[in-house]
ModelCIF file with pLDDT and N, C-alpha, C, O atoms, coordinates in Angstrom:
data_MODEL
#
_entry.id   MODEL 
#
_entity.id                         1 
_entity.type                       polymer 
_entity.pdbx_number_of_molecules   1 
#
_entity_poly.entity_id                      1 
_entity_poly.type                           'polypeptide(L)' 
_entity_poly.nstd_linkage                   no 
_entity_poly.nstd_monomer                   no 
_entity_poly.pdbx_seq_one_letter_code       SNPQLSPNRFLQSQADRTDPVPVYREQVDFSQILGSLVPGYKYPYYL 
_entity_poly.pdbx_seq_one_letter_code_can   SNPQLSPNRFLQSQADRTDPVPVYREQVDFSQILGSLVPGYKYPYYL 
_entity_poly.pdbx_strand_id                 A 
#
loop_
_entity_poly_seq.entity_id 
_entity_poly_seq.num 
_entity_poly_seq.mon_id 
_entity_poly_seq.hetero 
1 1  SER n 
1 2  ASN n 
1 3  PRO n 
1 4  GLN n 
1 5  LEU n 
1 6  SER n 
1 7  PRO n 
1 8  ASN n 
1 9  ARG n 
1 10 PHE n 
1 11 LEU n 
1 12 GLN n 
1 13 SER n 
1 14 GLN n 
1 15 ALA n 
1 16 ASP n 
1 17 ARG n 
1 18 THR n 
1 19 ASP n 
1 20 PRO n 
1 21 VAL n 
1 22 PRO n 
1 23 VAL n 
1 24 TYR n 
1 25 ARG n 
1 26 GLU n 
1 27 GLN n 
1 28 VAL n 
1 29 ASP n 
1 30 PHE n 
1 31 SER n 
1 32 GLN n 
1 33 ILE n 
1 34 LEU n 
1 35 GLY n 
1 36 SER n 
1 37 LEU n 
1 38 VAL n 
1 39 PRO n 
1 40 GLY n 
1 41 TYR n 
1 42 LYS n 
1 43 TYR n 
1 44 PRO n 
1 45 TYR n 
1 46 TYR n 
1 47 LEU n 
#
_struct_asym.id          A 
_struct_asym.entity_id   1 
#
loop_
_ma_qa_metric.id 
_ma_qa_metric.mode 
_ma_qa_metric.name 
_ma_qa_metric.software_group_id 
_ma_qa_metric.type 
1 global pLDDT . pLDDT 
2 local  pLDDT . pLDDT 
#
_ma_qa_metric_global.metric_id      1 
_ma_qa_metric_global.metric_value   83.70 
_ma_qa_metric_global.model_id       1 
_ma_qa_metric_global.ordinal_id     1 
#
loop_
_ma_qa_metric_local.label_asym_id 
_ma_qa_metric_local.label_comp_id 
_ma_qa_metric_local.label_seq_id 
_ma_qa_metric_local.metric_id 
_ma_qa_metric_local.metric_value 
_ma_qa_metric_local.model_id 
_ma_qa_metric_local.ordinal_id 
A SER 1  2 51.00 1 1  
A ASN 2  2 54.00 1 2  
A PRO 3  2 48.00 1 3  
A GLN 4  2 54.00 1 4  
A LEU 5  2 50.00 1 5  
A SER 6  2 52.00 1 6  
A PRO 7  2 49.00 1 7  
A ASN 8  2 58.00 1 8  
A ARG 9  2 86.00 1 9  
A PHE 10 2 91.00 1 10 
A LEU 11 2 92.00 1 11 
A GLN 12 2 92.00 1 12 
A SER 13 2 91.00 1 13 
A GLN 14 2 87.00 1 14 
A ALA 15 2 84.00 1 15 
A ASP 16 2 86.00 1 16 
A ARG 17 2 85.00 1 17 
A THR 18 2 88.00 1 18 
A ASP 19 2 90.00 1 19 
A PRO 20 2 91.00 1 20 
A VAL 21 2 94.00 1 21 
A PRO 22 2 94.00 1 22 
A VAL 23 2 94.00 1 23 
A TYR 24 2 95.00 1 24 
A ARG 25 2 92.00 1 25 
A GLU 26 2 92.00 1 26 
A GLN 27 2 93.00 1 27 
A VAL 28 2 91.00 1 28 
A ASP 29 2 90.00 1 29 
A PHE 30 2 91.00 1 30 
A SER 31 2 92.00 1 31 
A GLN 32 2 92.00 1 32 
A ILE 33 2 92.00 1 33 
A LEU 34 2 91.00 1 34 
A GLY 35 2 89.00 1 35 
A SER 36 2 91.00 1 36 
A LEU 37 2 92.00 1 37 
A VAL 38 2 90.00 1 38 
A PRO 39 2 90.00 1 39 
A GLY 40 2 87.00 1 40 
A TYR 41 2 89.00 1 41 
A LYS 42 2 91.00 1 42 
A TYR 43 2 91.00 1 43 
A PRO 44 2 89.00 1 44 
A TYR 45 2 90.00 1 45 
A TYR 46 2 86.00 1 46 
A LEU 47 2 87.00 1 47 
#
loop_
_atom_site.group_PDB 
_atom_site.id 
_atom_site.type_symbol 
_atom_site.label_atom_id 
_atom_site.label_alt_id 
_atom_site.label_comp_id 
_atom_site.label_asym_id 
_atom_site.label_entity_id 
_atom_site.label_seq_id 
_atom_site.pdbx_PDB_ins_code 
_atom_site.Cartn_x 
_atom_site.Cartn_y 
_atom_site.Cartn_z 
_atom_site.occupancy 
_atom_site.B_iso_or_equiv 
_atom_site.pdbx_formal_charge 
_atom_site.auth_seq_id 
_atom_site.auth_comp_id 
_atom_site.auth_asym_id 
_atom_site.auth_atom_id 
_atom_site.pdbx_PDB_model_num 
ATOM 1   N N  . SER A 1 1  ? 115.867 -68.057 -12.970 1.00 51.00 ? 1  SER A N  1 
ATOM 2   C CA . SER A 1 1  ? 114.896 -67.982 -11.759 1.00 51.00 ? 1  SER A CA 1 
ATOM 3   C C  . SER A 1 1  ? 113.990 -69.216 -11.874 1.00 51.00 ? 1  SER A C  1 
ATOM 4   O O  . SER A 1 1  ? 113.228 -69.340 -10.915 1.00 51.00 ? 1  SER A O  1 
ATOM 5   N N  . ASN A 1 2  ? 113.917 -69.946 -12.614 1.00 54.00 ? 2  ASN A N  1 
ATOM 6   C CA . ASN A 1 2  ? 112.919 -71.113 -12.916 1.00 54.00 ? 2  ASN A CA 1 
ATOM 7   C C  . ASN A 1 2  ? 113.170 -72.080 -11.771 1.00 54.00 ? 2  ASN A C  1 
ATOM 8   O O  . ASN A 1 2  ? 114.247 -72.644 -11.960 1.00 54.00 ? 2  ASN A O  1 
ATOM 9   N N  . PRO A 1 3  ? 112.729 -72.376 -10.945 1.00 48.00 ? 3  PRO A N  1 
ATOM 10  C CA . PRO A 1 3  ? 112.647 -73.300 -9.608  1.00 48.00 ? 3  PRO A CA 1 
ATOM 11  C C  . PRO A 1 3  ? 112.386 -74.645 -10.106 1.00 48.00 ? 3  PRO A C  1 
ATOM 12  O O  . PRO A 1 3  ? 112.489 -75.517 -9.243  1.00 48.00 ? 3  PRO A O  1 
ATOM 13  N N  . GLN A 1 4  ? 112.106 -74.995 -11.158 1.00 54.00 ? 4  GLN A N  1 
ATOM 14  C CA . GLN A 1 4  ? 111.394 -76.683 -12.012 1.00 54.00 ? 4  GLN A CA 1 
ATOM 15  C C  . GLN A 1 4  ? 112.703 -77.133 -12.337 1.00 54.00 ? 4  GLN A C  1 
ATOM 16  O O  . GLN A 1 4  ? 112.838 -78.352 -12.450 1.00 54.00 ? 4  GLN A O  1 
ATOM 17  N N  . LEU A 1 5  ? 113.700 -76.402 -12.511 1.00 50.00 ? 5  LEU A N  1 
ATOM 18  C CA . LEU A 1 5  ? 114.929 -76.968 -13.384 1.00 50.00 ? 5  LEU A CA 1 
ATOM 19  C C  . LEU A 1 5  ? 115.918 -77.520 -12.507 1.00 50.00 ? 5  LEU A C  1 
ATOM 20  O O  . LEU A 1 5  ? 116.115 -77.014 -11.402 1.00 50.00 ? 5  LEU A O  1 
ATOM 21  N N  . SER A 1 6  ? 116.495 -78.425 -12.872 1.00 52.00 ? 6  SER A N  1 
ATOM 22  C CA . SER A 1 6  ? 117.897 -78.938 -11.922 1.00 52.00 ? 6  SER A CA 1 
ATOM 23  C C  . SER A 1 6  ? 118.801 -78.249 -12.417 1.00 52.00 ? 6  SER A C  1 
ATOM 24  O O  . SER A 1 6  ? 118.882 -77.923 -13.602 1.00 52.00 ? 6  SER A O  1 
ATOM 25  N N  . PRO A 1 7  ? 119.641 -77.941 -11.441 1.00 49.00 ? 7  PRO A N  1 
ATOM 26  C CA . PRO A 1 7  ? 120.646 -76.722 -11.562 1.00 49.00 ? 7  PRO A CA 1 
ATOM 27  C C  . PRO A 1 7  ? 122.063 -77.597 -12.318 1.00 49.00 ? 7  PRO A C  1 
ATOM 28  O O  . PRO A 1 7  ? 123.008 -77.028 -12.863 1.00 49.00 ? 7  PRO A O  1 
ATOM 29  N N  . ASN A 1 8  ? 121.915 -78.893 -12.192 1.00 58.00 ? 8  ASN A N  1 
ATOM 30  C CA . ASN A 1 8  ? 122.999 -79.655 -13.179 1.00 58.00 ? 8  ASN A CA 1 
ATOM 31  C C  . ASN A 1 8  ? 122.627 -79.959 -14.487 1.00 58.00 ? 8  ASN A C  1 
ATOM 32  O O  . ASN A 1 8  ? 123.458 -80.663 -15.061 1.00 58.00 ? 8  ASN A O  1 
ATOM 33  N N  . ARG A 1 9  ? 121.333 -79.561 -15.354 1.00 86.00 ? 9  ARG A N  1 
ATOM 34  C CA . ARG A 1 9  ? 121.061 -79.880 -16.123 1.00 86.00 ? 9  ARG A CA 1 
ATOM 35  C C  . ARG A 1 9  ? 120.972 -78.932 -17.553 1.00 86.00 ? 9  ARG A C  1 
ATOM 36  O O  . ARG A 1 9  ? 119.935 -78.401 -17.950 1.00 86.00 ? 9  ARG A O  1 
ATOM 37  N N  . PHE A 1 10 ? 122.071 -78.862 -18.110 1.00 91.00 ? 10 PHE A N  1 
ATOM 38  C CA . PHE A 1 10 ? 122.173 -77.714 -19.015 1.00 91.00 ? 10 PHE A CA 1 
ATOM 39  C C  . PHE A 1 10 ? 122.799 -78.204 -20.338 1.00 91.00 ? 10 PHE A C  1 
ATOM 40  O O  . PHE A 1 10 ? 123.382 -79.284 -20.443 1.00 91.00 ? 10 PHE A O  1 
ATOM 41  N N  . LEU A 1 11 ? 122.596 -77.155 -21.517 1.00 92.00 ? 11 LEU A N  1 
ATOM 42  C CA . LEU A 1 11 ? 123.106 -77.141 -23.081 1.00 92.00 ? 11 LEU A CA 1 
ATOM 43  C C  . LEU A 1 11 ? 123.852 -75.923 -23.153 1.00 92.00 ? 11 LEU A C  1 
ATOM 44  O O  . LEU A 1 11 ? 123.754 -75.001 -22.344 1.00 92.00 ? 11 LEU A O  1 
ATOM 45  N N  . GLN A 1 12 ? 124.610 -75.954 -24.163 1.00 92.00 ? 12 GLN A N  1 
ATOM 46  C CA . GLN A 1 12 ? 125.153 -74.889 -24.543 1.00 92.00 ? 12 GLN A CA 1 
ATOM 47  C C  . GLN A 1 12 ? 125.240 -75.544 -26.292 1.00 92.00 ? 12 GLN A C  1 
ATOM 48  O O  . GLN A 1 12 ? 125.135 -76.739 -26.567 1.00 92.00 ? 12 GLN A O  1 
ATOM 49  N N  . SER A 1 13 ? 125.485 -74.259 -27.453 1.00 91.00 ? 13 SER A N  1 
ATOM 50  C CA . SER A 1 13 ? 125.757 -75.088 -28.629 1.00 91.00 ? 13 SER A CA 1 
ATOM 51  C C  . SER A 1 13 ? 126.787 -75.308 -28.895 1.00 91.00 ? 13 SER A C  1 
ATOM 52  O O  . SER A 1 13 ? 127.704 -74.729 -28.313 1.00 91.00 ? 13 SER A O  1 
ATOM 53  N N  . GLN A 1 14 ? 127.052 -76.366 -30.021 1.00 87.00 ? 14 GLN A N  1 
ATOM 54  C CA . GLN A 1 14 ? 128.170 -77.132 -30.131 1.00 87.00 ? 14 GLN A CA 1 
ATOM 55  C C  . GLN A 1 14 ? 129.766 -76.189 -29.943 1.00 87.00 ? 14 GLN A C  1 
ATOM 56  O O  . GLN A 1 14 ? 129.795 -75.006 -30.282 1.00 87.00 ? 14 GLN A O  1 
ATOM 57  N N  . ALA A 1 15 ? 130.580 -76.643 -29.574 1.00 84.00 ? 15 ALA A N  1 
ATOM 58  C CA . ALA A 1 15 ? 131.962 -75.892 -29.303 1.00 84.00 ? 15 ALA A CA 1 
ATOM 59  C C  . ALA A 1 15 ? 132.402 -75.086 -30.673 1.00 84.00 ? 15 ALA A C  1 
ATOM 60  O O  . ALA A 1 15 ? 132.983 -74.007 -30.552 1.00 84.00 ? 15 ALA A O  1 
ATOM 61  N N  . ASP A 1 16 ? 132.127 -75.606 -31.925 1.00 86.00 ? 16 ASP A N  1 
ATOM 62  C CA . ASP A 1 16 ? 132.682 -75.132 -33.049 1.00 86.00 ? 16 ASP A CA 1 
ATOM 63  C C  . ASP A 1 16 ? 131.741 -74.447 -33.561 1.00 86.00 ? 16 ASP A C  1 
ATOM 64  O O  . ASP A 1 16 ? 131.964 -74.142 -34.732 1.00 86.00 ? 16 ASP A O  1 
ATOM 65  N N  . ARG A 1 17 ? 130.506 -73.984 -33.026 1.00 85.00 ? 17 ARG A N  1 
ATOM 66  C CA . ARG A 1 17 ? 129.523 -73.307 -33.435 1.00 85.00 ? 17 ARG A CA 1 
ATOM 67  C C  . ARG A 1 17 ? 129.471 -71.971 -33.223 1.00 85.00 ? 17 ARG A C  1 
ATOM 68  O O  . ARG A 1 17 ? 129.335 -71.635 -32.047 1.00 85.00 ? 17 ARG A O  1 
ATOM 69  N N  . THR A 1 18 ? 129.566 -70.817 -34.322 1.00 88.00 ? 18 THR A N  1 
ATOM 70  C CA . THR A 1 18 ? 129.529 -69.456 -33.964 1.00 88.00 ? 18 THR A CA 1 
ATOM 71  C C  . THR A 1 18 ? 128.275 -69.003 -34.247 1.00 88.00 ? 18 THR A C  1 
ATOM 72  O O  . THR A 1 18 ? 127.975 -67.987 -33.619 1.00 88.00 ? 18 THR A O  1 
ATOM 73  N N  . ASP A 1 19 ? 127.472 -69.415 -34.967 1.00 90.00 ? 19 ASP A N  1 
ATOM 74  C CA . ASP A 1 19 ? 126.220 -68.625 -35.197 1.00 90.00 ? 19 ASP A CA 1 
ATOM 75  C C  . ASP A 1 19 ? 125.013 -69.306 -34.009 1.00 90.00 ? 19 ASP A C  1 
ATOM 76  O O  . ASP A 1 19 ? 125.168 -70.423 -33.513 1.00 90.00 ? 19 ASP A O  1 
ATOM 77  N N  . PRO A 1 20 ? 123.923 -68.474 -33.715 1.00 91.00 ? 20 PRO A N  1 
ATOM 78  C CA . PRO A 1 20 ? 122.883 -68.931 -32.739 1.00 91.00 ? 20 PRO A CA 1 
ATOM 79  C C  . PRO A 1 20 ? 122.425 -70.429 -33.269 1.00 91.00 ? 20 PRO A C  1 
ATOM 80  O O  . PRO A 1 20 ? 122.676 -70.859 -34.395 1.00 91.00 ? 20 PRO A O  1 
ATOM 81  N N  . VAL A 1 21 ? 121.760 -71.083 -32.321 1.00 94.00 ? 21 VAL A N  1 
ATOM 82  C CA . VAL A 1 21 ? 121.143 -72.246 -32.419 1.00 94.00 ? 21 VAL A CA 1 
ATOM 83  C C  . VAL A 1 21 ? 119.962 -71.992 -32.183 1.00 94.00 ? 21 VAL A C  1 
ATOM 84  O O  . VAL A 1 21 ? 119.693 -71.569 -31.059 1.00 94.00 ? 21 VAL A O  1 
ATOM 85  N N  . PRO A 1 22 ? 118.752 -72.194 -33.298 1.00 94.00 ? 22 PRO A N  1 
ATOM 86  C CA . PRO A 1 22 ? 117.468 -71.926 -33.550 1.00 94.00 ? 22 PRO A CA 1 
ATOM 87  C C  . PRO A 1 22 ? 116.733 -72.690 -32.660 1.00 94.00 ? 22 PRO A C  1 
ATOM 88  O O  . PRO A 1 22 ? 116.936 -73.904 -32.688 1.00 94.00 ? 22 PRO A O  1 
ATOM 89  N N  . VAL A 1 23 ? 115.677 -72.112 -31.636 1.00 94.00 ? 23 VAL A N  1 
ATOM 90  C CA . VAL A 1 23 ? 114.731 -72.545 -30.899 1.00 94.00 ? 23 VAL A CA 1 
ATOM 91  C C  . VAL A 1 23 ? 113.265 -72.761 -31.351 1.00 94.00 ? 23 VAL A C  1 
ATOM 92  O O  . VAL A 1 23 ? 112.583 -71.736 -31.339 1.00 94.00 ? 23 VAL A O  1 
ATOM 93  N N  . TYR A 1 24 ? 112.675 -73.861 -31.734 1.00 95.00 ? 24 TYR A N  1 
ATOM 94  C CA . TYR A 1 24 ? 111.584 -74.046 -32.171 1.00 95.00 ? 24 TYR A CA 1 
ATOM 95  C C  . TYR A 1 24 ? 110.431 -74.193 -31.314 1.00 95.00 ? 24 TYR A C  1 
ATOM 96  O O  . TYR A 1 24 ? 110.729 -74.507 -30.161 1.00 95.00 ? 24 TYR A O  1 
ATOM 97  N N  . ARG A 1 25 ? 109.430 -74.080 -31.506 1.00 92.00 ? 25 ARG A N  1 
ATOM 98  C CA . ARG A 1 25 ? 107.996 -74.392 -31.076 1.00 92.00 ? 25 ARG A CA 1 
ATOM 99  C C  . ARG A 1 25 ? 107.809 -75.439 -30.849 1.00 92.00 ? 25 ARG A C  1 
ATOM 100 O O  . ARG A 1 25 ? 107.687 -75.767 -29.669 1.00 92.00 ? 25 ARG A O  1 
ATOM 101 N N  . GLU A 1 26 ? 107.702 -76.451 -31.937 1.00 92.00 ? 26 GLU A N  1 
ATOM 102 C CA . GLU A 1 26 ? 107.451 -77.773 -31.684 1.00 92.00 ? 26 GLU A CA 1 
ATOM 103 C C  . GLU A 1 26 ? 108.694 -78.477 -32.127 1.00 92.00 ? 26 GLU A C  1 
ATOM 104 O O  . GLU A 1 26 ? 109.721 -77.828 -32.321 1.00 92.00 ? 26 GLU A O  1 
ATOM 105 N N  . GLN A 1 27 ? 108.652 -79.767 -32.296 1.00 93.00 ? 27 GLN A N  1 
ATOM 106 C CA . GLN A 1 27 ? 109.815 -80.563 -32.569 1.00 93.00 ? 27 GLN A CA 1 
ATOM 107 C C  . GLN A 1 27 ? 109.806 -80.503 -34.198 1.00 93.00 ? 27 GLN A C  1 
ATOM 108 O O  . GLN A 1 27 ? 109.790 -81.714 -34.422 1.00 93.00 ? 27 GLN A O  1 
ATOM 109 N N  . VAL A 1 28 ? 109.806 -80.165 -34.899 1.00 91.00 ? 28 VAL A N  1 
ATOM 110 C CA . VAL A 1 28 ? 109.888 -80.162 -36.470 1.00 91.00 ? 28 VAL A CA 1 
ATOM 111 C C  . VAL A 1 28 ? 110.788 -79.040 -36.936 1.00 91.00 ? 28 VAL A C  1 
ATOM 112 O O  . VAL A 1 28 ? 110.641 -77.958 -36.367 1.00 91.00 ? 28 VAL A O  1 
ATOM 113 N N  . ASP A 1 29 ? 111.788 -79.151 -37.981 1.00 90.00 ? 29 ASP A N  1 
ATOM 114 C CA . ASP A 1 29 ? 112.177 -77.673 -38.314 1.00 90.00 ? 29 ASP A CA 1 
ATOM 115 C C  . ASP A 1 29 ? 111.431 -76.846 -39.071 1.00 90.00 ? 29 ASP A C  1 
ATOM 116 O O  . ASP A 1 29 ? 111.919 -75.734 -39.273 1.00 90.00 ? 29 ASP A O  1 
ATOM 117 N N  . PHE A 1 30 ? 110.171 -77.134 -39.640 1.00 91.00 ? 30 PHE A N  1 
ATOM 118 C CA . PHE A 1 30 ? 109.420 -76.059 -40.166 1.00 91.00 ? 30 PHE A CA 1 
ATOM 119 C C  . PHE A 1 30 ? 108.379 -75.605 -38.921 1.00 91.00 ? 30 PHE A C  1 
ATOM 120 O O  . PHE A 1 30 ? 107.268 -75.097 -39.074 1.00 91.00 ? 30 PHE A O  1 
ATOM 121 N N  . SER A 1 31 ? 108.865 -75.840 -37.988 1.00 92.00 ? 31 SER A N  1 
ATOM 122 C CA . SER A 1 31 ? 107.996 -75.121 -36.867 1.00 92.00 ? 31 SER A CA 1 
ATOM 123 C C  . SER A 1 31 ? 108.229 -73.673 -36.572 1.00 92.00 ? 31 SER A C  1 
ATOM 124 O O  . SER A 1 31 ? 109.261 -73.285 -37.120 1.00 92.00 ? 31 SER A O  1 
ATOM 125 N N  . GLN A 1 32 ? 107.598 -72.724 -35.872 1.00 92.00 ? 32 GLN A N  1 
ATOM 126 C CA . GLN A 1 32 ? 107.906 -71.359 -35.633 1.00 92.00 ? 32 GLN A CA 1 
ATOM 127 C C  . GLN A 1 32 ? 109.308 -71.418 -34.922 1.00 92.00 ? 32 GLN A C  1 
ATOM 128 O O  . GLN A 1 32 ? 109.643 -72.230 -34.060 1.00 92.00 ? 32 GLN A O  1 
ATOM 129 N N  . ILE A 1 33 ? 109.946 -70.555 -35.372 1.00 92.00 ? 33 ILE A N  1 
ATOM 130 C CA . ILE A 1 33 ? 111.266 -70.253 -34.558 1.00 92.00 ? 33 ILE A CA 1 
ATOM 131 C C  . ILE A 1 33 ? 110.801 -69.211 -33.242 1.00 92.00 ? 33 ILE A C  1 
ATOM 132 O O  . ILE A 1 33 ? 110.076 -68.231 -33.416 1.00 92.00 ? 33 ILE A O  1 
ATOM 133 N N  . LEU A 1 34 ? 111.228 -69.522 -32.222 1.00 91.00 ? 34 LEU A N  1 
ATOM 134 C CA . LEU A 1 34 ? 110.859 -68.720 -30.975 1.00 91.00 ? 34 LEU A CA 1 
ATOM 135 C C  . LEU A 1 34 ? 112.045 -67.685 -30.633 1.00 91.00 ? 34 LEU A C  1 
ATOM 136 O O  . LEU A 1 34 ? 111.912 -66.550 -30.175 1.00 91.00 ? 34 LEU A O  1 
ATOM 137 N N  . GLY A 1 35 ? 113.241 -68.358 -30.968 1.00 89.00 ? 35 GLY A N  1 
ATOM 138 C CA . GLY A 1 35 ? 114.177 -67.635 -30.394 1.00 89.00 ? 35 GLY A CA 1 
ATOM 139 C C  . GLY A 1 35 ? 115.824 -68.169 -30.774 1.00 89.00 ? 35 GLY A C  1 
ATOM 140 O O  . GLY A 1 35 ? 115.956 -69.048 -31.626 1.00 89.00 ? 35 GLY A O  1 
ATOM 141 N N  . SER A 1 36 ? 116.767 -67.714 -30.244 1.00 91.00 ? 36 SER A N  1 
ATOM 142 C CA . SER A 1 36 ? 117.918 -68.934 -30.291 1.00 91.00 ? 36 SER A CA 1 
ATOM 143 C C  . SER A 1 36 ? 118.748 -68.535 -29.004 1.00 91.00 ? 36 SER A C  1 
ATOM 144 O O  . SER A 1 36 ? 118.636 -67.625 -28.183 1.00 91.00 ? 36 SER A O  1 
ATOM 145 N N  . LEU A 1 37 ? 119.693 -69.667 -29.178 1.00 92.00 ? 37 LEU A N  1 
ATOM 146 C CA . LEU A 1 37 ? 120.628 -70.137 -28.109 1.00 92.00 ? 37 LEU A CA 1 
ATOM 147 C C  . LEU A 1 37 ? 121.677 -69.218 -28.390 1.00 92.00 ? 37 LEU A C  1 
ATOM 148 O O  . LEU A 1 37 ? 121.997 -69.094 -29.572 1.00 92.00 ? 37 LEU A O  1 
ATOM 149 N N  . VAL A 1 38 ? 122.269 -68.555 -27.528 1.00 90.00 ? 38 VAL A N  1 
ATOM 150 C CA . VAL A 1 38 ? 123.671 -67.416 -28.022 1.00 90.00 ? 38 VAL A CA 1 
ATOM 151 C C  . VAL A 1 38 ? 124.646 -68.224 -27.876 1.00 90.00 ? 38 VAL A C  1 
ATOM 152 O O  . VAL A 1 38 ? 124.376 -68.975 -26.939 1.00 90.00 ? 38 VAL A O  1 
ATOM 153 N N  . PRO A 1 39 ? 125.977 -68.533 -28.472 1.00 90.00 ? 39 PRO A N  1 
ATOM 154 C CA . PRO A 1 39 ? 126.679 -69.246 -28.465 1.00 90.00 ? 39 PRO A CA 1 
ATOM 155 C C  . PRO A 1 39 ? 127.595 -68.684 -27.095 1.00 90.00 ? 39 PRO A C  1 
ATOM 156 O O  . PRO A 1 39 ? 127.683 -67.467 -26.929 1.00 90.00 ? 39 PRO A O  1 
ATOM 157 N N  . GLY A 1 40 ? 128.207 -69.545 -26.216 1.00 87.00 ? 40 GLY A N  1 
ATOM 158 C CA . GLY A 1 40 ? 129.071 -69.392 -24.855 1.00 87.00 ? 40 GLY A CA 1 
ATOM 159 C C  . GLY A 1 40 ? 127.760 -69.401 -23.707 1.00 87.00 ? 40 GLY A C  1 
ATOM 160 O O  . GLY A 1 40 ? 127.927 -69.495 -22.491 1.00 87.00 ? 40 GLY A O  1 
ATOM 161 N N  . TYR A 1 41 ? 126.918 -69.324 -24.145 1.00 89.00 ? 41 TYR A N  1 
ATOM 162 C CA . TYR A 1 41 ? 126.173 -69.536 -22.664 1.00 89.00 ? 41 TYR A CA 1 
ATOM 163 C C  . TYR A 1 41 ? 125.407 -70.747 -22.303 1.00 89.00 ? 41 TYR A C  1 
ATOM 164 O O  . TYR A 1 41 ? 125.041 -71.485 -23.218 1.00 89.00 ? 41 TYR A O  1 
ATOM 165 N N  . LYS A 1 42 ? 125.135 -71.025 -21.138 1.00 91.00 ? 42 LYS A N  1 
ATOM 166 C CA . LYS A 1 42 ? 124.512 -72.283 -20.689 1.00 91.00 ? 42 LYS A CA 1 
ATOM 167 C C  . LYS A 1 42 ? 123.132 -72.143 -20.635 1.00 91.00 ? 42 LYS A C  1 
ATOM 168 O O  . LYS A 1 42 ? 122.641 -71.178 -20.050 1.00 91.00 ? 42 LYS A O  1 
ATOM 169 N N  . TYR A 1 43 ? 122.251 -73.228 -21.327 1.00 91.00 ? 43 TYR A N  1 
ATOM 170 C CA . TYR A 1 43 ? 120.678 -72.973 -20.824 1.00 91.00 ? 43 TYR A CA 1 
ATOM 171 C C  . TYR A 1 43 ? 120.261 -74.079 -20.098 1.00 91.00 ? 43 TYR A C  1 
ATOM 172 O O  . TYR A 1 43 ? 120.892 -75.126 -20.242 1.00 91.00 ? 43 TYR A O  1 
ATOM 173 N N  . PRO A 1 44 ? 119.113 -74.028 -19.184 1.00 89.00 ? 44 PRO A N  1 
ATOM 174 C CA . PRO A 1 44 ? 118.945 -75.288 -18.724 1.00 89.00 ? 44 PRO A CA 1 
ATOM 175 C C  . PRO A 1 44 ? 117.866 -75.966 -19.469 1.00 89.00 ? 44 PRO A C  1 
ATOM 176 O O  . PRO A 1 44 ? 117.015 -75.295 -20.053 1.00 89.00 ? 44 PRO A O  1 
ATOM 177 N N  . TYR A 1 45 ? 117.851 -77.283 -19.484 1.00 90.00 ? 45 TYR A N  1 
ATOM 178 C CA . TYR A 1 45 ? 116.896 -77.940 -20.053 1.00 90.00 ? 45 TYR A CA 1 
ATOM 179 C C  . TYR A 1 45 ? 116.086 -78.923 -19.179 1.00 90.00 ? 45 TYR A C  1 
ATOM 180 O O  . TYR A 1 45 ? 116.564 -79.442 -18.170 1.00 90.00 ? 45 TYR A O  1 
ATOM 181 N N  . TYR A 1 46 ? 114.696 -79.173 -19.676 1.00 86.00 ? 46 TYR A N  1 
ATOM 182 C CA . TYR A 1 46 ? 113.655 -80.066 -19.121 1.00 86.00 ? 46 TYR A CA 1 
ATOM 183 C C  . TYR A 1 46 ? 113.586 -81.357 -19.248 1.00 86.00 ? 46 TYR A C  1 
ATOM 184 O O  . TYR A 1 46 ? 113.346 -82.103 -18.300 1.00 86.00 ? 46 TYR A O  1 
ATOM 185 N N  . LEU A 1 47 ? 113.832 -81.820 -20.671 1.00 87.00 ? 47 LEU A N  1 
ATOM 186 C CA . LEU A 1 47 ? 113.910 -83.098 -21.003 1.00 87.00 ? 47 LEU A CA 1 
ATOM 187 C C  . LEU A 1 47 ? 114.623 -83.427 -22.482 1.00 87.00 ? 47 LEU A C  1 
ATOM 188 O O  . LEU A 1 47 ? 114.736 -84.590 -22.868 1.00 87.00 ? 47 LEU A O  1 
#
């Protein structure tokens, strides 16, 4: 539902990955984990 995202800019987890990809608050491994990307789903990205 987010109109700011371009409809052709999507990500998904690597094809060989079966576990969720962690989503961090900041660009560091030790940052708080906000959630995860579910394998098989496409997610819009900003940059």
